[in-house]
Amino acid sequence: MTYWLMKSEPDEFGIADLAKDKTTYWDGIRNYQARNFMREMKIGDLAFLYHSSCKHIGIAGVMKVVEDPMPDPAAIDPKNDYFDPKSSPDNIRWTRVKVEFVEQFSKILPLATIKSLALKHDALSTLGLLNSSRLSVMPVTQPQWKLLSKAAGAAQ
């Protein structure tokens, strides 16, 4: 199993939305590195849902990959906000995955707390969130996952 961190603005789609909907397609990613990470995802992988660009920034919960990565059809829909004129039905350049709600934390694990934990735990020194803060999809190592899950009070 591989672990991930995936960012979303909760005004667009947050952990409460995923809890209500149960599953969703994680689409609209238009960064090549994030897309390449998504292409590595496998059914059963777990991901933190990280709320960004909001009042309470941080890890809000956990979701699970429930379908293999597939082409993102939004890329070829001219009416979609994520339309990509360089994509075609035969060559969709972007990827989406289907995720399922696992858990909403009782309170968000703030970025400030994560940074503070990184000062105490070497395992967090390579956490992409602290080194590539603009990237919307990134891998998380198993030791990082365990530390962050424990800090968030995760049920798992």
N, C-alpha and C. Protein backbone atom coordinates (compact mmCIF):
# COMPACT_ATOMS: atom_id res chain seq x y z
N MET A 1 0.85 -1.18 0.00
CA MET A 1 0.00 0.00 0.00
C MET A 1 0.89 1.24 0.00
N THR A 2 0.43 2.24 -0.74
CA THR A 2 1.12 3.53 -0.79
C THR A 2 0.22 4.57 -0.15
N TYR A 3 0.85 5.58 0.40
CA TYR A 3 0.12 6.66 1.07
C TYR A 3 0.33 7.97 0.33
N TRP A 4 -0.68 8.83 0.41
CA TRP A 4 -0.68 10.08 -0.35
C TRP A 4 -1.23 11.22 0.49
N LEU A 5 -0.99 12.42 0.03
CA LEU A 5 -1.65 13.61 0.54
C LEU A 5 -2.21 14.34 -0.67
N MET A 6 -3.50 14.66 -0.62
CA MET A 6 -4.17 15.32 -1.74
C MET A 6 -4.86 16.57 -1.22
N LYS A 7 -4.61 17.68 -1.89
CA LYS A 7 -5.12 18.96 -1.42
C LYS A 7 -6.40 19.35 -2.15
N SER A 8 -7.25 20.04 -1.41
CA SER A 8 -8.46 20.60 -1.98
C SER A 8 -8.87 21.82 -1.17
N GLU A 9 -9.46 22.76 -1.83
CA GLU A 9 -10.02 23.90 -1.12
C GLU A 9 -11.41 23.49 -0.64
N PRO A 10 -11.66 23.54 0.67
CA PRO A 10 -12.93 23.04 1.19
C PRO A 10 -14.15 23.80 0.67
N ASP A 11 -13.96 25.02 0.17
CA ASP A 11 -15.08 25.74 -0.44
C ASP A 11 -15.51 25.07 -1.74
N GLU A 12 -14.56 24.38 -2.40
CA GLU A 12 -14.89 23.65 -3.63
C GLU A 12 -15.30 22.22 -3.31
N PHE A 13 -14.46 21.53 -2.52
CA PHE A 13 -14.76 20.16 -2.12
C PHE A 13 -13.89 19.81 -0.93
N GLY A 14 -14.50 19.56 0.20
CA GLY A 14 -13.77 19.25 1.42
C GLY A 14 -14.17 17.91 1.99
N ILE A 15 -13.64 17.61 3.15
CA ILE A 15 -13.89 16.33 3.79
C ILE A 15 -15.38 16.14 4.11
N ALA A 16 -16.07 17.22 4.46
CA ALA A 16 -17.51 17.11 4.75
C ALA A 16 -18.28 16.72 3.49
N ASP A 17 -17.84 17.23 2.33
CA ASP A 17 -18.49 16.87 1.07
C ASP A 17 -18.26 15.39 0.76
N LEU A 18 -17.03 14.94 0.98
CA LEU A 18 -16.72 13.54 0.72
C LEU A 18 -17.49 12.63 1.68
N ALA A 19 -17.61 13.03 2.93
CA ALA A 19 -18.38 12.24 3.91
C ALA A 19 -19.83 12.11 3.45
N LYS A 20 -20.36 13.17 2.90
CA LYS A 20 -21.75 13.16 2.43
C LYS A 20 -21.90 12.33 1.16
N ASP A 21 -20.99 12.53 0.21
CA ASP A 21 -21.08 11.86 -1.09
C ASP A 21 -20.60 10.40 -1.06
N LYS A 22 -19.77 10.07 -0.09
CA LYS A 22 -19.17 8.73 0.08
C LYS A 22 -18.02 8.47 -0.90
N THR A 23 -18.21 8.76 -2.20
CA THR A 23 -17.13 8.61 -3.19
C THR A 23 -17.16 9.80 -4.13
N THR A 24 -16.03 10.03 -4.78
CA THR A 24 -15.96 11.07 -5.80
C THR A 24 -14.78 10.79 -6.71
N TYR A 25 -14.82 11.37 -7.90
CA TYR A 25 -13.64 11.34 -8.77
C TYR A 25 -12.77 12.52 -8.42
N TRP A 26 -11.50 12.26 -8.19
CA TRP A 26 -10.52 13.31 -7.92
C TRP A 26 -9.97 13.71 -9.27
N ASP A 27 -10.48 14.82 -9.79
CA ASP A 27 -10.14 15.22 -11.16
C ASP A 27 -9.75 16.69 -11.19
N GLY A 28 -9.48 17.17 -12.39
CA GLY A 28 -9.13 18.58 -12.55
C GLY A 28 -7.69 18.90 -12.21
N ILE A 29 -6.86 17.90 -11.96
CA ILE A 29 -5.45 18.13 -11.66
C ILE A 29 -4.75 18.49 -12.97
N ARG A 30 -4.09 19.64 -12.97
CA ARG A 30 -3.43 20.11 -14.19
C ARG A 30 -1.97 20.49 -13.92
N ASN A 31 -1.31 19.63 -13.18
CA ASN A 31 0.12 19.78 -12.92
C ASN A 31 0.73 18.42 -13.25
N TYR A 32 1.79 18.41 -14.04
CA TYR A 32 2.34 17.14 -14.52
C TYR A 32 2.88 16.26 -13.40
N GLN A 33 3.56 16.84 -12.43
CA GLN A 33 4.10 16.03 -11.35
C GLN A 33 2.97 15.41 -10.52
N ALA A 34 1.94 16.20 -10.20
CA ALA A 34 0.78 15.67 -9.47
C ALA A 34 0.09 14.59 -10.29
N ARG A 35 -0.06 14.83 -11.60
CA ARG A 35 -0.68 13.82 -12.48
C ARG A 35 0.13 12.53 -12.46
N ASN A 36 1.44 12.64 -12.52
CA ASN A 36 2.28 11.44 -12.53
C ASN A 36 2.16 10.66 -11.22
N PHE A 37 2.04 11.38 -10.11
CA PHE A 37 1.80 10.70 -8.84
C PHE A 37 0.46 9.97 -8.87
N MET A 38 -0.56 10.62 -9.41
CA MET A 38 -1.88 9.98 -9.49
C MET A 38 -1.83 8.71 -10.33
N ARG A 39 -1.02 8.72 -11.37
CA ARG A 39 -0.89 7.54 -12.23
C ARG A 39 -0.27 6.35 -11.49
N GLU A 40 0.43 6.61 -10.39
CA GLU A 40 1.04 5.55 -9.58
C GLU A 40 0.06 4.96 -8.56
N MET A 41 -1.09 5.59 -8.35
CA MET A 41 -2.02 5.14 -7.32
C MET A 41 -2.63 3.78 -7.66
N LYS A 42 -2.89 3.03 -6.61
CA LYS A 42 -3.49 1.70 -6.74
C LYS A 42 -4.72 1.61 -5.84
N ILE A 43 -5.64 0.74 -6.20
CA ILE A 43 -6.81 0.49 -5.38
C ILE A 43 -6.34 0.08 -3.97
N GLY A 44 -6.91 0.70 -2.96
CA GLY A 44 -6.56 0.41 -1.58
C GLY A 44 -5.59 1.40 -0.97
N ASP A 45 -4.91 2.20 -1.80
CA ASP A 45 -4.02 3.23 -1.27
C ASP A 45 -4.84 4.21 -0.43
N LEU A 46 -4.21 4.75 0.60
CA LEU A 46 -4.87 5.74 1.45
C LEU A 46 -4.27 7.11 1.22
N ALA A 47 -5.12 8.14 1.38
CA ALA A 47 -4.67 9.52 1.19
C ALA A 47 -5.25 10.41 2.26
N PHE A 48 -4.43 11.31 2.76
CA PHE A 48 -4.94 12.39 3.59
C PHE A 48 -5.62 13.39 2.69
N LEU A 49 -6.76 13.92 3.12
CA LEU A 49 -7.38 15.04 2.43
C LEU A 49 -6.95 16.29 3.20
N TYR A 50 -6.24 17.16 2.51
CA TYR A 50 -5.66 18.36 3.10
C TYR A 50 -6.44 19.57 2.62
N HIS A 51 -6.97 20.33 3.56
CA HIS A 51 -7.69 21.57 3.21
C HIS A 51 -6.68 22.69 3.03
N SER A 52 -6.72 23.33 1.87
CA SER A 52 -5.81 24.43 1.58
C SER A 52 -6.59 25.69 1.22
N SER A 53 -5.89 26.80 1.21
CA SER A 53 -6.48 28.09 0.82
C SER A 53 -7.78 28.38 1.57
N CYS A 54 -7.72 28.23 2.88
CA CYS A 54 -8.91 28.45 3.70
C CYS A 54 -8.47 28.94 5.09
N LYS A 55 -9.44 29.19 5.94
CA LYS A 55 -9.14 29.68 7.29
C LYS A 55 -8.41 28.64 8.13
N HIS A 56 -8.83 27.37 8.05
CA HIS A 56 -8.24 26.30 8.86
C HIS A 56 -7.50 25.33 7.93
N ILE A 57 -6.25 25.65 7.62
CA ILE A 57 -5.43 24.86 6.71
C ILE A 57 -4.88 23.65 7.46
N GLY A 58 -5.00 22.47 6.84
CA GLY A 58 -4.41 21.28 7.44
C GLY A 58 -5.07 20.00 6.98
N ILE A 59 -4.64 18.90 7.58
CA ILE A 59 -5.16 17.58 7.22
C ILE A 59 -6.51 17.39 7.90
N ALA A 60 -7.54 17.11 7.09
CA ALA A 60 -8.91 17.05 7.59
C ALA A 60 -9.44 15.63 7.73
N GLY A 61 -8.83 14.68 7.04
CA GLY A 61 -9.34 13.32 7.11
C GLY A 61 -8.62 12.39 6.17
N VAL A 62 -9.22 11.21 5.98
CA VAL A 62 -8.60 10.15 5.18
C VAL A 62 -9.59 9.67 4.13
N MET A 63 -9.06 9.35 2.97
CA MET A 63 -9.84 8.74 1.90
C MET A 63 -9.03 7.60 1.29
N LYS A 64 -9.74 6.73 0.56
CA LYS A 64 -9.11 5.55 -0.02
C LYS A 64 -9.34 5.54 -1.52
N VAL A 65 -8.31 5.14 -2.27
CA VAL A 65 -8.44 4.97 -3.72
C VAL A 65 -9.23 3.70 -3.97
N VAL A 66 -10.33 3.82 -4.75
CA VAL A 66 -11.20 2.66 -4.98
C VAL A 66 -11.31 2.26 -6.45
N GLU A 67 -10.67 3.01 -7.33
CA GLU A 67 -10.58 2.62 -8.74
C GLU A 67 -9.20 3.01 -9.24
N ASP A 68 -8.69 2.23 -10.19
CA ASP A 68 -7.39 2.57 -10.77
C ASP A 68 -7.45 3.91 -11.49
N PRO A 69 -6.31 4.58 -11.60
CA PRO A 69 -6.28 5.84 -12.33
C PRO A 69 -6.79 5.65 -13.76
N MET A 70 -7.43 6.70 -14.28
CA MET A 70 -8.01 6.65 -15.62
C MET A 70 -7.91 8.04 -16.24
N PRO A 71 -8.06 8.15 -17.55
CA PRO A 71 -8.05 9.48 -18.18
C PRO A 71 -9.17 10.35 -17.61
N ASP A 72 -8.88 11.63 -17.47
CA ASP A 72 -9.83 12.60 -16.94
C ASP A 72 -10.66 13.18 -18.08
N PRO A 73 -11.92 12.77 -18.23
CA PRO A 73 -12.74 13.23 -19.35
C PRO A 73 -13.02 14.74 -19.33
N ALA A 74 -12.82 15.38 -18.18
CA ALA A 74 -13.02 16.83 -18.12
C ALA A 74 -12.07 17.54 -19.09
N ALA A 75 -10.94 16.91 -19.39
CA ALA A 75 -9.94 17.53 -20.26
C ALA A 75 -10.44 17.70 -21.69
N ILE A 76 -11.42 16.91 -22.10
CA ILE A 76 -11.91 17.02 -23.48
C ILE A 76 -13.32 17.60 -23.57
N ASP A 77 -13.80 18.13 -22.46
CA ASP A 77 -15.13 18.75 -22.42
C ASP A 77 -14.98 20.27 -22.45
N PRO A 78 -15.25 20.90 -23.60
CA PRO A 78 -15.05 22.35 -23.71
C PRO A 78 -15.87 23.17 -22.72
N LYS A 79 -16.92 22.60 -22.17
CA LYS A 79 -17.75 23.32 -21.20
C LYS A 79 -17.22 23.20 -19.78
N ASN A 80 -16.23 22.34 -19.57
CA ASN A 80 -15.69 22.10 -18.24
C ASN A 80 -14.58 23.10 -17.92
N ASP A 81 -14.51 23.52 -16.67
CA ASP A 81 -13.46 24.45 -16.24
C ASP A 81 -12.06 23.87 -16.42
N TYR A 82 -11.95 22.56 -16.47
CA TYR A 82 -10.64 21.91 -16.59
C TYR A 82 -10.37 21.40 -18.00
N PHE A 83 -11.06 21.95 -18.98
CA PHE A 83 -10.85 21.62 -20.39
C PHE A 83 -9.41 21.91 -20.78
N ASP A 84 -8.82 21.00 -21.54
CA ASP A 84 -7.46 21.17 -22.05
C ASP A 84 -7.49 21.03 -23.57
N PRO A 85 -7.33 22.14 -24.30
CA PRO A 85 -7.42 22.07 -25.76
C PRO A 85 -6.33 21.19 -26.39
N LYS A 86 -5.28 20.86 -25.65
CA LYS A 86 -4.22 19.99 -26.18
C LYS A 86 -4.55 18.51 -26.01
N SER A 87 -5.61 18.21 -25.27
CA SER A 87 -6.06 16.83 -25.13
C SER A 87 -7.07 16.51 -26.23
N SER A 88 -7.16 15.23 -26.56
CA SER A 88 -8.14 14.77 -27.54
C SER A 88 -8.71 13.45 -27.02
N PRO A 89 -9.82 12.99 -27.58
CA PRO A 89 -10.38 11.72 -27.12
C PRO A 89 -9.38 10.55 -27.20
N ASP A 90 -8.47 10.61 -28.16
CA ASP A 90 -7.46 9.56 -28.31
C ASP A 90 -6.23 9.79 -27.43
N ASN A 91 -6.10 11.00 -26.90
CA ASN A 91 -4.91 11.33 -26.12
C ASN A 91 -5.27 12.33 -25.01
N ILE A 92 -5.91 11.81 -23.98
CA ILE A 92 -6.24 12.64 -22.82
C ILE A 92 -4.99 12.70 -21.94
N ARG A 93 -4.46 13.89 -21.75
CA ARG A 93 -3.18 14.06 -21.06
C ARG A 93 -3.29 14.00 -19.54
N TRP A 94 -4.52 14.07 -19.02
CA TRP A 94 -4.69 14.19 -17.57
C TRP A 94 -5.37 12.96 -16.99
N THR A 95 -5.23 12.80 -15.68
CA THR A 95 -5.66 11.59 -14.98
C THR A 95 -6.60 11.93 -13.83
N ARG A 96 -7.49 11.01 -13.52
CA ARG A 96 -8.33 11.12 -12.33
C ARG A 96 -8.34 9.77 -11.62
N VAL A 97 -8.69 9.79 -10.34
CA VAL A 97 -8.89 8.56 -9.58
C VAL A 97 -10.20 8.70 -8.80
N LYS A 98 -10.78 7.57 -8.47
CA LYS A 98 -11.98 7.58 -7.64
C LYS A 98 -11.56 7.29 -6.22
N VAL A 99 -12.03 8.14 -5.29
CA VAL A 99 -11.71 7.98 -3.88
C VAL A 99 -13.00 7.81 -3.07
N GLU A 100 -12.83 7.19 -1.91
CA GLU A 100 -13.94 6.91 -1.01
C GLU A 100 -13.62 7.47 0.37
N PHE A 101 -14.63 8.01 1.01
CA PHE A 101 -14.48 8.52 2.36
C PHE A 101 -14.10 7.40 3.32
N VAL A 102 -13.13 7.69 4.20
CA VAL A 102 -12.74 6.75 5.25
C VAL A 102 -13.01 7.37 6.62
N GLU A 103 -12.50 8.60 6.82
CA GLU A 103 -12.60 9.20 8.16
C GLU A 103 -12.44 10.71 8.09
N GLN A 104 -13.24 11.40 8.88
CA GLN A 104 -13.08 12.83 9.10
C GLN A 104 -12.52 13.01 10.51
N PHE A 105 -11.44 13.74 10.65
CA PHE A 105 -10.85 13.94 11.97
C PHE A 105 -11.73 14.88 12.78
N SER A 106 -11.71 14.71 14.09
CA SER A 106 -12.53 15.55 14.96
C SER A 106 -12.10 17.01 14.86
N LYS A 107 -10.82 17.24 14.59
CA LYS A 107 -10.36 18.60 14.27
C LYS A 107 -9.21 18.49 13.29
N ILE A 108 -9.05 19.51 12.51
CA ILE A 108 -8.01 19.54 11.48
C ILE A 108 -6.63 19.54 12.13
N LEU A 109 -5.71 18.77 11.55
CA LEU A 109 -4.32 18.80 11.98
C LEU A 109 -3.65 19.96 11.24
N PRO A 110 -3.40 21.07 11.94
CA PRO A 110 -2.93 22.29 11.27
C PRO A 110 -1.52 22.17 10.71
N LEU A 111 -1.26 22.93 9.67
CA LEU A 111 0.07 22.98 9.07
C LEU A 111 1.11 23.38 10.10
N ALA A 112 0.79 24.31 10.98
CA ALA A 112 1.74 24.74 12.01
C ALA A 112 2.14 23.57 12.91
N THR A 113 1.22 22.71 13.24
CA THR A 113 1.52 21.53 14.06
C THR A 113 2.39 20.56 13.28
N ILE A 114 2.10 20.39 12.01
CA ILE A 114 2.90 19.50 11.17
C ILE A 114 4.34 20.01 11.10
N LYS A 115 4.51 21.32 10.93
CA LYS A 115 5.86 21.90 10.90
C LYS A 115 6.57 21.71 12.23
N SER A 116 5.86 21.84 13.31
CA SER A 116 6.43 21.65 14.64
C SER A 116 6.84 20.18 14.84
N LEU A 117 6.02 19.25 14.37
CA LEU A 117 6.36 17.83 14.45
C LEU A 117 7.61 17.51 13.64
N ALA A 118 7.77 18.20 12.51
CA ALA A 118 8.93 17.96 11.65
C ALA A 118 10.24 18.33 12.35
N LEU A 119 10.18 19.26 13.29
CA LEU A 119 11.39 19.63 14.04
C LEU A 119 11.79 18.53 15.02
N LYS A 120 10.83 17.69 15.40
CA LYS A 120 11.07 16.63 16.38
C LYS A 120 11.28 15.25 15.76
N HIS A 121 10.81 15.07 14.53
CA HIS A 121 10.83 13.76 13.88
C HIS A 121 11.50 13.86 12.51
N ASP A 122 12.66 13.23 12.37
CA ASP A 122 13.38 13.26 11.10
C ASP A 122 12.55 12.74 9.93
N ALA A 123 11.66 11.80 10.21
CA ALA A 123 10.85 11.21 9.14
C ALA A 123 10.04 12.27 8.39
N LEU A 124 9.68 13.34 9.07
CA LEU A 124 8.88 14.39 8.43
C LEU A 124 9.71 15.42 7.67
N SER A 125 11.04 15.32 7.78
CA SER A 125 11.89 16.32 7.11
C SER A 125 11.77 16.26 5.60
N THR A 126 11.37 15.11 5.06
CA THR A 126 11.22 14.97 3.61
C THR A 126 9.76 15.03 3.16
N LEU A 127 8.86 15.36 4.05
CA LEU A 127 7.44 15.45 3.70
C LEU A 127 7.24 16.49 2.61
N GLY A 128 6.67 16.07 1.50
CA GLY A 128 6.46 16.96 0.36
C GLY A 128 5.70 18.22 0.71
N LEU A 129 4.76 18.11 1.61
CA LEU A 129 3.96 19.25 2.03
C LEU A 129 4.84 20.40 2.54
N LEU A 130 5.95 20.05 3.17
CA LEU A 130 6.83 21.07 3.73
C LEU A 130 7.89 21.53 2.73
N ASN A 131 8.08 20.76 1.65
CA ASN A 131 9.12 21.08 0.68
C ASN A 131 8.58 21.50 -0.69
N SER A 132 7.38 21.06 -1.02
CA SER A 132 6.74 21.38 -2.31
C SER A 132 5.32 21.84 -2.02
N SER A 133 5.21 22.92 -1.31
CA SER A 133 3.91 23.32 -0.77
C SER A 133 2.85 23.61 -1.83
N ARG A 134 3.23 23.86 -3.07
CA ARG A 134 2.24 24.17 -4.11
C ARG A 134 1.68 22.92 -4.78
N LEU A 135 2.33 21.79 -4.61
CA LEU A 135 1.92 20.56 -5.26
C LEU A 135 0.64 20.01 -4.63
N SER A 136 -0.34 19.64 -5.45
CA SER A 136 -1.65 19.24 -4.92
C SER A 136 -1.80 17.75 -4.65
N VAL A 137 -0.90 16.94 -5.16
CA VAL A 137 -0.91 15.50 -4.91
C VAL A 137 0.54 15.08 -4.67
N MET A 138 0.79 14.39 -3.56
CA MET A 138 2.16 13.99 -3.26
C MET A 138 2.19 12.72 -2.43
N PRO A 139 3.27 11.95 -2.56
CA PRO A 139 3.38 10.74 -1.75
C PRO A 139 3.72 11.06 -0.30
N VAL A 140 3.34 10.14 0.57
CA VAL A 140 3.65 10.22 2.00
C VAL A 140 4.24 8.86 2.36
N THR A 141 5.37 8.84 3.04
CA THR A 141 5.98 7.56 3.42
C THR A 141 5.18 6.92 4.56
N GLN A 142 5.39 5.64 4.77
CA GLN A 142 4.68 4.95 5.86
C GLN A 142 5.01 5.57 7.23
N PRO A 143 6.31 5.86 7.53
CA PRO A 143 6.59 6.50 8.83
C PRO A 143 5.91 7.87 8.96
N GLN A 144 5.86 8.64 7.87
CA GLN A 144 5.18 9.94 7.91
C GLN A 144 3.70 9.74 8.15
N TRP A 145 3.11 8.76 7.47
CA TRP A 145 1.68 8.47 7.63
C TRP A 145 1.36 8.13 9.09
N LYS A 146 2.18 7.29 9.68
CA LYS A 146 1.95 6.88 11.07
C LYS A 146 2.04 8.07 12.02
N LEU A 147 3.06 8.90 11.86
CA LEU A 147 3.22 10.08 12.72
C LEU A 147 2.05 11.05 12.58
N LEU A 148 1.67 11.33 11.34
CA LEU A 148 0.60 12.30 11.11
C LEU A 148 -0.76 11.74 11.53
N SER A 149 -0.99 10.46 11.30
CA SER A 149 -2.24 9.84 11.74
C SER A 149 -2.39 9.91 13.25
N LYS A 150 -1.30 9.59 13.93
CA LYS A 150 -1.33 9.64 15.40
C LYS A 150 -1.57 11.08 15.88
N ALA A 151 -0.89 12.04 15.28
CA ALA A 151 -1.05 13.44 15.68
C ALA A 151 -2.48 13.93 15.42
N ALA A 152 -3.11 13.39 14.37
CA ALA A 152 -4.48 13.81 14.04
C ALA A 152 -5.53 13.07 14.85
N GLY A 153 -5.11 12.04 15.59
CA GLY A 153 -6.08 11.25 16.35
C GLY A 153 -6.88 10.32 15.48
N ALA A 154 -6.25 9.84 14.40
CA ALA A 154 -6.95 8.97 13.45
C ALA A 154 -7.37 7.67 14.12
N ALA A 155 -8.48 7.13 13.66
CA ALA A 155 -9.00 5.86 14.19
C ALA A 155 -8.15 4.69 13.74
N GLN A 156 -7.46 4.84 12.62
CA GLN A 156 -6.69 3.73 12.06
C GLN A 156 -5.43 3.50 12.83
